[in-house]
Every structure is written in structure tokens, then in C-alpha cells.
Amino acid sequence: MAAARAFHHCEGRLYVAQRHIEVLDGGPVRLGQWISNARRRKERLAADRVRALDALSMRW
């Protein structure tokens, strides 16, 4: 989630390429893959996670 927030802060959007890697203090995060998985699994995500992604203008 931190990588998604960082990307949104820099880009102003959450449209992420499938192979995008976001680099945080802890190292590289495969954000594109993470977003893709979240889209496929929306029905199984916790409600607070869905709300957090919606707040970042997630395109489901």
C-alpha cells in the first residue's frame, strides 16, 4: 500500500504498468503486479483496503 501511495503522490494517478517497479526505502516493490492482483481479487480484499485504493483513484 505504501508503494501505491508513493506512486499516486508522484504521478497523481494509480494507473500502473504491469511491470512497473516502485523503489521504496525497503527496496523494490513490484507495484504493477500488486495492482493487477488487487484488481482480480477485489471481491476478496478487505473493505478498508478497497476504500484505501478507491481514495487513490484506483481503476477497477
C-alpha atoms as a PDB file:
ATOM      1  CA  MET A   1       0.000   0.000   0.000  1.00  0.00           C
ATOM      2  CA  ALA A   2       2.904   2.337   0.727  1.00  0.00           C
ATOM      3  CA  ALA A   3       4.190   1.872  -2.813  1.00  0.00           C
ATOM      4  CA  ALA A   4       0.750   2.670  -4.233  1.00  0.00           C
ATOM      5  CA  ARG A   5       0.568   5.833  -2.132  1.00  0.00           C
ATOM      6  CA  ALA A   6       4.071   6.881  -3.204  1.00  0.00           C
ATOM      7  CA  PHE A   7       3.261   6.311  -6.882  1.00  0.00           C
ATOM      8  CA  HIS A   8      -0.008   8.241  -6.589  1.00  0.00           C
ATOM      9  CA  HIS A   9       1.751  11.109  -4.820  1.00  0.00           C
ATOM     10  CA  CYS A  10       4.330  11.425  -7.620  1.00  0.00           C
ATOM     11  CA  GLU A  11       2.086  10.705 -10.612  1.00  0.00           C
ATOM     12  CA  GLY A  12      -1.308  11.927  -9.409  1.00  0.00           C
ATOM     13  CA  ARG A  13      -2.901   8.698 -10.620  1.00  0.00           C
ATOM     14  CA  LEU A  14      -2.807   4.979  -9.920  1.00  0.00           C
ATOM     15  CA  TYR A  15      -2.706   3.687 -13.488  1.00  0.00           C
ATOM     16  CA  VAL A  16       0.398   1.497 -13.251  1.00  0.00           C
ATOM     17  CA  ALA A  17       2.079  -0.518 -15.987  1.00  0.00           C
ATOM     18  CA  GLN A  18       2.040  -4.281 -15.352  1.00  0.00           C
ATOM     19  CA  ARG A  19       5.834  -4.466 -14.986  1.00  0.00           C
ATOM     20  CA  HIS A  20       6.310  -1.242 -13.001  1.00  0.00           C
ATOM     21  CA  ILE A  21       8.635  -1.496 -10.012  1.00  0.00           C
ATOM     22  CA  GLU A  22       8.397   1.197  -7.336  1.00  0.00           C
ATOM     23  CA  VAL A  23      11.519   1.654  -5.229  1.00  0.00           C
ATOM     24  CA  LEU A  24      10.937   2.460  -1.566  1.00  0.00           C
ATOM     25  CA  ASP A  25      13.316   2.657   1.385  1.00  0.00           C
ATOM     26  CA  GLY A  26      12.815  -1.061   1.979  1.00  0.00           C
ATOM     27  CA  GLY A  27      13.752  -1.943  -1.598  1.00  0.00           C
ATOM     28  CA  PRO A  28      11.933  -2.637  -4.867  1.00  0.00           C
ATOM     29  CA  VAL A  29       8.188  -3.358  -4.904  1.00  0.00           C
ATOM     30  CA  ARG A  30       6.525  -4.948  -7.921  1.00  0.00           C
ATOM     31  CA  LEU A  31       3.682  -2.421  -7.841  1.00  0.00           C
ATOM     32  CA  GLY A  32       2.306  -3.228 -11.291  1.00  0.00           C
ATOM     33  CA  GLN A  33       1.850  -6.870 -10.346  1.00  0.00           C
ATOM     34  CA  TRP A  34       0.383  -5.939  -6.966  1.00  0.00           C
ATOM     35  CA  ILE A  35      -2.201  -3.623  -8.586  1.00  0.00           C
ATOM     36  CA  SER A  36      -3.078  -6.287 -11.158  1.00  0.00           C
ATOM     37  CA  ASN A  37      -3.629  -8.855  -8.410  1.00  0.00           C
ATOM     38  CA  ALA A  38      -5.746  -6.411  -6.405  1.00  0.00           C
ATOM     39  CA  ARG A  39      -7.984  -5.837  -9.445  1.00  0.00           C
ATOM     40  CA  ARG A  40      -8.526  -9.553  -9.935  1.00  0.00           C
ATOM     41  CA  ARG A  41      -9.184 -10.152  -6.238  1.00  0.00           C
ATOM     42  CA  LYS A  42     -11.319  -7.103  -5.419  1.00  0.00           C
ATOM     43  CA  GLU A  43     -14.192  -9.195  -4.059  1.00  0.00           C
ATOM     44  CA  ARG A  44     -11.850 -10.872  -1.568  1.00  0.00           C
ATOM     45  CA  LEU A  45      -9.993  -7.746  -0.415  1.00  0.00           C
ATOM     46  CA  ALA A  46     -10.749  -6.291   2.992  1.00  0.00           C
ATOM     47  CA  ALA A  47     -13.172  -3.367   2.848  1.00  0.00           C
ATOM     48  CA  ASP A  48     -10.602  -0.977   4.294  1.00  0.00           C
ATOM     49  CA  ARG A  49      -8.119  -1.954   1.559  1.00  0.00           C
ATOM     50  CA  VAL A  50     -10.735  -1.291  -1.149  1.00  0.00           C
ATOM     51  CA  ARG A  51     -11.535   2.098   0.410  1.00  0.00           C
ATOM     52  CA  ALA A  52      -7.834   2.990   0.588  1.00  0.00           C
ATOM     53  CA  LEU A  53      -7.349   2.110  -3.085  1.00  0.00           C
ATOM     54  CA  ASP A  54     -10.516   3.981  -4.038  1.00  0.00           C
ATOM     55  CA  ALA A  55      -9.127   7.050  -2.260  1.00  0.00           C
ATOM     56  CA  LEU A  56      -6.133   6.806  -4.629  1.00  0.00           C
ATOM     57  CA  SER A  57      -8.493   6.731  -7.634  1.00  0.00           C
ATOM     58  CA  MET A  58      -7.958   3.033  -8.336  1.00  0.00           C
ATOM     59  CA  ARG A  59      -9.325   1.971 -11.724  1.00  0.00           C
ATOM     60  CA  TRP A  60     -11.002  -1.374 -11.101  1.00  0.00           C
END
